[in-house]
């Protein structure tokens, strides 16, 4: 004998809400650039006791078109890849998927750095920045003295 379940519109809405919640929880993993935008640079930032190491991929970008600045503990990277159009007689482009234009990213660094000692290396399409921490911002161990000795 078949069971008959009474229709409950609220149960249907809760099922739909759960499905939407799951979709948006998984979205950042499915689309990594979704939260950055189309022209934002993806960064890897690592920290050691003495410096920060920042890496970003800029394949094919001329080093003259890469600009790095540090102001008030904010690191900014701006790069530009001009559109490369190739015109052929009696031909047209069918697919154009390579990215071009202006790409940028700014992040606030957790500690002050020595802006005069920043190093920027560009090799094989990867920009690597070494940002030394300032002496004032480094963690210093303070010896504990025993009273009366």
N, C-alpha and C. Protein backbone atom coordinates (compact mmCIF):
# COMPACT_ATOMS: atom_id res chain seq x y z
N UNK A 1 0.83 -1.17 0.00
CA UNK A 1 0.00 0.00 0.00
C UNK A 1 0.88 1.24 0.00
N UNK A 2 0.58 2.23 -0.79
CA UNK A 2 1.38 3.43 -0.94
C UNK A 2 1.04 4.43 0.15
N UNK A 3 2.08 5.10 0.63
CA UNK A 3 1.87 6.16 1.62
C UNK A 3 1.64 7.47 0.91
N UNK A 4 0.76 8.24 1.41
CA UNK A 4 0.49 9.56 0.85
C UNK A 4 1.07 10.59 1.80
N UNK A 5 1.91 11.48 1.24
CA UNK A 5 2.51 12.53 2.05
C UNK A 5 1.85 13.85 1.71
N UNK A 6 1.50 14.56 2.72
CA UNK A 6 0.84 15.84 2.52
C UNK A 6 1.88 16.84 1.99
N UNK A 7 1.50 17.61 0.97
CA UNK A 7 2.40 18.60 0.38
C UNK A 7 2.59 19.76 1.34
N UNK A 8 3.88 20.11 1.54
CA UNK A 8 4.21 21.21 2.44
C UNK A 8 5.08 22.19 1.67
N UNK A 9 4.58 23.37 1.32
CA UNK A 9 5.37 24.31 0.52
C UNK A 9 6.63 24.79 1.25
N UNK A 10 6.59 24.84 2.56
CA UNK A 10 7.77 25.29 3.31
C UNK A 10 8.91 24.27 3.22
N UNK A 11 8.57 22.99 3.20
CA UNK A 11 9.58 21.95 3.04
C UNK A 11 10.25 22.09 1.67
N UNK A 12 9.48 22.40 0.64
CA UNK A 12 10.03 22.60 -0.70
C UNK A 12 10.95 23.81 -0.73
N UNK A 13 10.57 24.88 -0.06
CA UNK A 13 11.42 26.09 -0.03
C UNK A 13 12.72 25.82 0.73
N UNK A 14 12.65 25.05 1.81
CA UNK A 14 13.85 24.73 2.58
C UNK A 14 14.80 23.85 1.76
N UNK A 15 14.27 22.94 0.97
CA UNK A 15 15.09 22.10 0.10
C UNK A 15 15.80 22.96 -0.93
N UNK A 16 15.09 23.91 -1.52
CA UNK A 16 15.69 24.81 -2.51
C UNK A 16 16.75 25.71 -1.84
N UNK A 17 16.46 26.19 -0.64
CA UNK A 17 17.42 27.02 0.08
C UNK A 17 18.70 26.24 0.38
N UNK A 18 18.57 24.99 0.77
CA UNK A 18 19.75 24.15 1.04
C UNK A 18 20.57 23.94 -0.22
N UNK A 19 19.90 23.72 -1.34
CA UNK A 19 20.61 23.52 -2.60
C UNK A 19 21.37 24.79 -3.00
N UNK A 20 20.75 25.96 -2.84
CA UNK A 20 21.42 27.22 -3.17
C UNK A 20 22.60 27.48 -2.23
N UNK A 21 22.42 27.20 -0.93
CA UNK A 21 23.52 27.38 0.02
C UNK A 21 24.71 26.51 -0.36
N UNK A 22 24.45 25.26 -0.71
CA UNK A 22 25.54 24.35 -1.10
C UNK A 22 26.24 24.86 -2.36
N UNK A 23 25.46 25.35 -3.33
CA UNK A 23 26.04 25.87 -4.56
C UNK A 23 27.00 27.02 -4.28
N UNK A 24 26.60 27.98 -3.45
CA UNK A 24 27.44 29.13 -3.20
C UNK A 24 28.60 28.83 -2.24
N UNK A 25 28.47 27.81 -1.41
CA UNK A 25 29.61 27.39 -0.58
C UNK A 25 30.70 26.78 -1.44
N UNK A 26 30.33 26.04 -2.47
CA UNK A 26 31.29 25.36 -3.34
C UNK A 26 31.82 26.26 -4.45
N UNK A 27 31.17 27.39 -4.72
CA UNK A 27 31.53 28.24 -5.87
C UNK A 27 32.99 28.71 -5.86
N UNK A 28 33.57 29.20 -4.74
CA UNK A 28 34.96 29.66 -4.79
C UNK A 28 35.95 28.56 -5.18
N UNK A 29 35.69 27.31 -4.80
CA UNK A 29 36.59 26.23 -5.20
C UNK A 29 36.44 25.90 -6.68
N UNK A 30 35.22 26.03 -7.20
CA UNK A 30 34.98 25.70 -8.60
C UNK A 30 35.51 26.77 -9.53
N UNK A 31 35.41 28.02 -9.12
CA UNK A 31 35.83 29.15 -9.95
C UNK A 31 36.79 30.00 -9.14
N UNK A 32 38.10 29.70 -9.12
CA UNK A 32 39.04 30.40 -8.24
C UNK A 32 39.11 31.91 -8.47
N UNK A 33 38.91 32.39 -9.71
CA UNK A 33 39.01 33.82 -9.97
C UNK A 33 37.69 34.54 -9.74
N UNK A 34 36.66 33.82 -9.32
CA UNK A 34 35.34 34.40 -9.15
C UNK A 34 35.34 35.56 -8.17
N UNK A 35 36.03 35.42 -7.05
CA UNK A 35 36.04 36.47 -6.03
C UNK A 35 37.06 37.56 -6.34
N UNK A 36 37.96 37.35 -7.29
CA UNK A 36 38.98 38.34 -7.60
C UNK A 36 38.57 39.28 -8.73
N UNK A 37 37.75 38.81 -9.62
CA UNK A 37 37.42 39.60 -10.80
C UNK A 37 38.29 39.18 -11.96
N UNK A 38 37.93 39.60 -13.15
CA UNK A 38 38.63 39.17 -14.36
C UNK A 38 40.05 39.70 -14.45
N UNK A 39 40.30 40.92 -13.99
CA UNK A 39 41.61 41.54 -14.18
C UNK A 39 42.42 41.64 -12.90
N UNK A 40 42.10 40.82 -11.92
CA UNK A 40 42.87 40.80 -10.68
C UNK A 40 43.93 39.71 -10.75
N UNK A 41 45.11 40.01 -10.25
CA UNK A 41 46.20 39.05 -10.24
C UNK A 41 46.04 38.09 -9.06
N UNK A 42 46.25 36.83 -9.31
CA UNK A 42 46.27 35.84 -8.24
C UNK A 42 47.66 35.85 -7.62
N UNK A 43 47.73 35.89 -6.29
CA UNK A 43 49.01 36.00 -5.59
C UNK A 43 49.23 34.81 -4.67
N UNK A 44 50.51 34.45 -4.49
CA UNK A 44 50.94 33.56 -3.42
C UNK A 44 51.77 34.43 -2.50
N UNK A 45 51.45 34.46 -1.21
CA UNK A 45 52.19 35.27 -0.24
C UNK A 45 52.67 34.35 0.87
N UNK A 46 53.98 34.29 1.06
CA UNK A 46 54.58 33.48 2.11
C UNK A 46 55.33 34.40 3.06
N UNK A 47 55.48 33.96 4.31
CA UNK A 47 56.16 34.77 5.32
C UNK A 47 57.24 33.96 6.00
N UNK A 48 58.40 34.59 6.18
CA UNK A 48 59.46 34.02 7.01
C UNK A 48 59.67 35.00 8.17
N UNK A 49 60.63 34.72 9.03
CA UNK A 49 60.90 35.62 10.14
C UNK A 49 61.43 36.96 9.65
N UNK A 50 62.10 36.98 8.48
CA UNK A 50 62.75 38.20 8.01
C UNK A 50 62.05 38.92 6.87
N UNK A 51 61.21 38.20 6.10
CA UNK A 51 60.63 38.85 4.92
C UNK A 51 59.33 38.18 4.47
N UNK A 52 58.66 38.85 3.56
CA UNK A 52 57.51 38.29 2.84
C UNK A 52 57.97 37.95 1.44
N UNK A 53 57.41 36.89 0.88
CA UNK A 53 57.72 36.48 -0.48
C UNK A 53 56.40 36.42 -1.24
N UNK A 54 56.28 37.25 -2.28
CA UNK A 54 55.05 37.35 -3.05
C UNK A 54 55.34 36.89 -4.48
N UNK A 55 54.48 36.00 -5.01
CA UNK A 55 54.64 35.53 -6.38
C UNK A 55 53.33 35.69 -7.13
N UNK A 56 53.44 36.07 -8.40
CA UNK A 56 52.29 36.13 -9.29
C UNK A 56 52.74 35.78 -10.70
N UNK A 57 51.87 35.17 -11.45
CA UNK A 57 52.19 34.78 -12.82
C UNK A 57 51.75 35.87 -13.79
N UNK A 58 52.69 36.28 -14.63
CA UNK A 58 52.45 37.29 -15.66
C UNK A 58 53.07 36.81 -16.97
N UNK A 59 52.59 35.69 -17.51
CA UNK A 59 53.23 35.14 -18.70
C UNK A 59 53.10 36.07 -19.90
N UNK A 60 54.21 36.26 -20.58
CA UNK A 60 54.22 37.05 -21.80
C UNK A 60 54.22 38.55 -21.61
N UNK A 61 54.19 39.03 -20.38
CA UNK A 61 54.16 40.46 -20.12
C UNK A 61 55.58 41.02 -20.18
N UNK A 62 55.75 42.10 -20.91
CA UNK A 62 57.05 42.77 -20.98
C UNK A 62 57.37 43.35 -19.61
N UNK A 63 58.58 43.11 -19.08
CA UNK A 63 58.94 43.64 -17.76
C UNK A 63 58.78 45.16 -17.65
N UNK A 64 58.89 45.88 -18.77
CA UNK A 64 58.69 47.33 -18.73
C UNK A 64 57.24 47.70 -18.43
N UNK A 65 56.33 46.75 -18.61
CA UNK A 65 54.91 46.99 -18.36
C UNK A 65 54.46 46.49 -16.99
N UNK A 66 55.41 46.20 -16.11
CA UNK A 66 55.10 45.75 -14.75
C UNK A 66 55.53 46.84 -13.78
N UNK A 67 54.62 47.27 -12.92
CA UNK A 67 54.91 48.35 -11.96
C UNK A 67 54.54 47.89 -10.56
N UNK A 68 55.52 47.96 -9.66
CA UNK A 68 55.33 47.54 -8.27
C UNK A 68 55.57 48.75 -7.38
N UNK A 69 54.64 48.99 -6.45
CA UNK A 69 54.80 50.09 -5.49
C UNK A 69 54.42 49.59 -4.10
N UNK A 70 55.03 50.24 -3.10
CA UNK A 70 54.68 50.00 -1.70
C UNK A 70 54.49 51.36 -1.06
N UNK A 71 53.30 51.58 -0.50
CA UNK A 71 53.02 52.85 0.17
C UNK A 71 52.13 52.56 1.37
N UNK A 72 52.56 53.02 2.53
CA UNK A 72 51.79 52.82 3.77
C UNK A 72 51.43 51.35 3.98
N UNK A 73 52.40 50.46 3.80
CA UNK A 73 52.23 49.02 3.99
C UNK A 73 51.23 48.38 3.03
N UNK A 74 50.96 49.04 1.91
CA UNK A 74 50.10 48.47 0.87
C UNK A 74 50.96 48.17 -0.35
N UNK A 75 50.99 46.90 -0.73
CA UNK A 75 51.73 46.47 -1.92
C UNK A 75 50.78 46.52 -3.10
N UNK A 76 51.20 47.18 -4.18
CA UNK A 76 50.40 47.25 -5.41
C UNK A 76 51.22 46.75 -6.58
N UNK A 77 50.62 45.88 -7.37
CA UNK A 77 51.25 45.36 -8.58
C UNK A 77 50.29 45.68 -9.73
N UNK A 78 50.82 46.35 -10.75
CA UNK A 78 50.04 46.69 -11.94
C UNK A 78 50.83 46.21 -13.15
N UNK A 79 50.16 45.49 -14.03
CA UNK A 79 50.81 44.99 -15.25
C UNK A 79 49.85 45.21 -16.41
N UNK A 80 50.45 45.39 -17.59
CA UNK A 80 49.62 45.60 -18.76
C UNK A 80 50.12 44.74 -19.91
N UNK A 81 49.19 44.05 -20.53
CA UNK A 81 49.49 43.23 -21.70
C UNK A 81 48.68 43.81 -22.86
N UNK A 82 49.34 44.50 -23.80
CA UNK A 82 48.58 45.06 -24.92
C UNK A 82 48.00 43.97 -25.81
N UNK A 83 46.86 44.27 -26.38
CA UNK A 83 46.23 43.32 -27.29
C UNK A 83 47.09 43.19 -28.54
N UNK A 84 47.31 41.97 -28.95
CA UNK A 84 48.11 41.71 -30.14
C UNK A 84 47.17 41.27 -31.26
N UNK A 85 46.98 42.16 -32.19
CA UNK A 85 46.10 41.83 -33.31
C UNK A 85 46.94 41.50 -34.53
N UNK A 86 46.55 40.47 -35.19
CA UNK A 86 47.23 40.04 -36.40
C UNK A 86 46.20 40.09 -37.51
N UNK A 87 46.51 40.87 -38.52
CA UNK A 87 45.59 40.98 -39.64
C UNK A 87 46.16 40.24 -40.84
N UNK A 88 45.35 39.40 -41.39
CA UNK A 88 45.71 38.65 -42.59
C UNK A 88 44.71 39.01 -43.68
N UNK A 89 45.20 39.05 -44.87
CA UNK A 89 44.31 39.32 -46.01
C UNK A 89 43.34 38.15 -46.16
N UNK A 90 42.08 38.45 -46.26
CA UNK A 90 41.03 37.46 -46.45
C UNK A 90 40.94 36.48 -45.27
N UNK A 91 41.25 36.93 -44.04
CA UNK A 91 41.16 36.07 -42.86
C UNK A 91 40.54 36.85 -41.71
N UNK A 92 39.96 36.13 -40.77
CA UNK A 92 39.39 36.77 -39.60
C UNK A 92 39.64 35.88 -38.38
N UNK A 93 39.63 36.49 -37.22
CA UNK A 93 39.82 35.74 -35.98
C UNK A 93 38.54 34.99 -35.64
N UNK A 94 38.69 33.74 -35.28
CA UNK A 94 37.55 32.93 -34.87
C UNK A 94 37.46 32.80 -33.36
N UNK A 95 38.61 32.67 -32.71
CA UNK A 95 38.65 32.52 -31.26
C UNK A 95 39.75 33.42 -30.71
N UNK A 96 39.41 34.20 -29.67
CA UNK A 96 40.40 35.06 -29.01
C UNK A 96 40.22 34.87 -27.51
N UNK A 97 41.02 33.97 -26.91
CA UNK A 97 40.87 33.64 -25.50
C UNK A 97 42.01 34.14 -24.63
N UNK A 98 43.09 34.57 -25.22
CA UNK A 98 44.21 35.04 -24.41
C UNK A 98 43.82 36.35 -23.74
N UNK A 99 44.28 36.51 -22.50
CA UNK A 99 43.95 37.71 -21.74
C UNK A 99 44.86 38.85 -22.13
N UNK A 100 44.31 40.03 -22.19
CA UNK A 100 45.08 41.24 -22.44
C UNK A 100 44.42 42.37 -21.68
N UNK A 101 45.14 43.45 -21.57
CA UNK A 101 44.61 44.61 -20.87
C UNK A 101 45.44 44.90 -19.63
N UNK A 102 44.83 45.57 -18.68
CA UNK A 102 45.51 45.98 -17.45
C UNK A 102 45.09 45.05 -16.32
N UNK A 103 46.08 44.52 -15.59
CA UNK A 103 45.85 43.62 -14.47
C UNK A 103 46.46 44.24 -13.23
N UNK A 104 45.77 44.16 -12.11
CA UNK A 104 46.32 44.77 -10.90
C UNK A 104 45.85 44.04 -9.66
N UNK A 105 46.58 44.30 -8.58
CA UNK A 105 46.22 43.74 -7.27
C UNK A 105 46.93 44.56 -6.21
N UNK A 106 46.22 44.87 -5.15
CA UNK A 106 46.78 45.57 -4.00
C UNK A 106 46.41 44.79 -2.75
N UNK A 107 47.40 44.63 -1.86
CA UNK A 107 47.14 43.97 -0.58
C UNK A 107 47.83 44.75 0.52
N UNK A 108 47.23 44.74 1.69
CA UNK A 108 47.85 45.37 2.86
C UNK A 108 48.73 44.33 3.53
N UNK A 109 49.97 44.70 3.77
CA UNK A 109 50.92 43.80 4.43
C UNK A 109 50.70 43.86 5.94
N UNK A 110 50.85 42.73 6.62
CA UNK A 110 50.59 42.70 8.06
C UNK A 110 51.59 43.50 8.90
N UNK A 111 52.78 43.72 8.36
CA UNK A 111 53.81 44.45 9.11
C UNK A 111 54.51 45.42 8.17
N UNK A 112 55.16 46.41 8.76
CA UNK A 112 55.93 47.37 7.97
C UNK A 112 57.13 46.67 7.34
N UNK A 113 57.52 47.15 6.16
CA UNK A 113 58.67 46.57 5.46
C UNK A 113 59.68 47.66 5.15
N UNK A 114 60.88 47.23 4.78
CA UNK A 114 61.94 48.14 4.34
C UNK A 114 61.75 48.37 2.85
N UNK A 115 61.02 49.41 2.48
CA UNK A 115 60.68 49.62 1.07
C UNK A 115 61.91 49.84 0.20
N UNK A 116 62.98 50.35 0.76
CA UNK A 116 64.21 50.57 -0.02
C UNK A 116 64.96 49.29 -0.33
N UNK A 117 64.61 48.19 0.32
CA UNK A 117 65.32 46.93 0.13
C UNK A 117 64.48 45.87 -0.59
N UNK A 118 63.34 46.27 -1.14
CA UNK A 118 62.47 45.33 -1.85
C UNK A 118 63.16 44.88 -3.13
N UNK A 119 63.10 43.58 -3.41
CA UNK A 119 63.67 43.03 -4.64
C UNK A 119 62.56 42.45 -5.50
N UNK A 120 62.62 42.72 -6.81
CA UNK A 120 61.63 42.20 -7.75
C UNK A 120 62.37 41.46 -8.85
N UNK A 121 62.05 40.17 -9.01
CA UNK A 121 62.65 39.34 -10.06
C UNK A 121 61.55 38.80 -10.95
N UNK A 122 61.80 38.84 -12.26
CA UNK A 122 60.83 38.35 -13.24
C UNK A 122 61.52 37.31 -14.09
N UNK A 123 61.08 36.06 -13.95
CA UNK A 123 61.72 34.98 -14.70
C UNK A 123 60.65 33.98 -15.14
N UNK A 124 60.70 33.58 -16.40
CA UNK A 124 59.79 32.58 -16.96
C UNK A 124 58.32 32.92 -16.70
N UNK A 125 57.99 34.22 -16.77
CA UNK A 125 56.60 34.64 -16.61
C UNK A 125 56.12 34.76 -15.19
N UNK A 126 57.01 34.56 -14.22
CA UNK A 126 56.62 34.67 -12.81
C UNK A 126 57.35 35.85 -12.17
N UNK A 127 56.59 36.75 -11.55
CA UNK A 127 57.16 37.87 -10.81
C UNK A 127 57.28 37.45 -9.35
N UNK A 128 58.50 37.56 -8.80
CA UNK A 128 58.77 37.21 -7.41
C UNK A 128 59.25 38.45 -6.68
N UNK A 129 58.56 38.82 -5.62
CA UNK A 129 58.94 39.98 -4.82
C UNK A 129 59.41 39.51 -3.46
N UNK A 130 60.56 40.03 -3.02
CA UNK A 130 61.06 39.77 -1.69
C UNK A 130 60.95 41.08 -0.92
N UNK A 131 60.15 41.08 0.13
CA UNK A 131 59.85 42.29 0.90
C UNK A 131 60.39 42.12 2.32
N UNK A 132 61.59 42.67 2.61
CA UNK A 132 62.17 42.51 3.94
C UNK A 132 61.36 43.27 4.99
N UNK A 133 61.14 42.63 6.13
CA UNK A 133 60.42 43.28 7.23
C UNK A 133 61.32 44.34 7.85
N UNK A 134 60.72 45.40 8.34
CA UNK A 134 61.50 46.44 9.01
C UNK A 134 61.94 45.92 10.38
N UNK A 135 63.04 46.44 10.86
CA UNK A 135 63.58 46.00 12.14
C UNK A 135 62.60 46.26 13.28
N UNK A 136 61.85 47.37 13.20
CA UNK A 136 60.91 47.70 14.27
C UNK A 136 59.77 46.70 14.34
N UNK A 137 59.41 46.10 13.20
CA UNK A 137 58.25 45.21 13.18
C UNK A 137 58.60 43.75 13.47
N UNK A 138 59.89 43.41 13.50
CA UNK A 138 60.27 42.03 13.76
C UNK A 138 60.03 41.68 15.23
N UNK A 139 59.69 40.44 15.47
CA UNK A 139 59.48 39.97 16.83
C UNK A 139 60.82 39.88 17.54
N UNK A 140 60.86 40.47 18.71
CA UNK A 140 62.10 40.45 19.49
C UNK A 140 61.88 39.69 20.79
N UNK A 141 62.80 38.79 21.09
CA UNK A 141 62.71 38.05 22.34
C UNK A 141 63.24 38.91 23.48
N UNK A 142 62.52 38.95 24.56
CA UNK A 142 62.92 39.75 25.71
C UNK A 142 63.27 38.79 26.83
N UNK A 143 64.53 38.84 27.31
CA UNK A 143 64.93 37.94 28.37
C UNK A 143 64.22 38.30 29.69
N UNK A 144 63.82 37.28 30.42
CA UNK A 144 63.17 37.48 31.70
C UNK A 144 64.22 37.37 32.79
N UNK A 145 64.30 38.41 33.60
CA UNK A 145 65.27 38.43 34.70
C UNK A 145 64.58 37.97 35.99
N UNK A 146 65.33 37.23 36.76
CA UNK A 146 64.81 36.76 38.05
C UNK A 146 65.15 37.82 39.09
N UNK A 147 64.15 38.24 39.83
CA UNK A 147 64.34 39.29 40.84
C UNK A 147 65.27 38.81 41.94
N UNK A 148 66.18 39.69 42.36
CA UNK A 148 67.09 39.38 43.45
C UNK A 148 68.36 38.68 43.03
N UNK A 149 68.60 38.47 41.77
CA UNK A 149 69.84 37.80 41.35
C UNK A 149 70.67 38.74 40.55
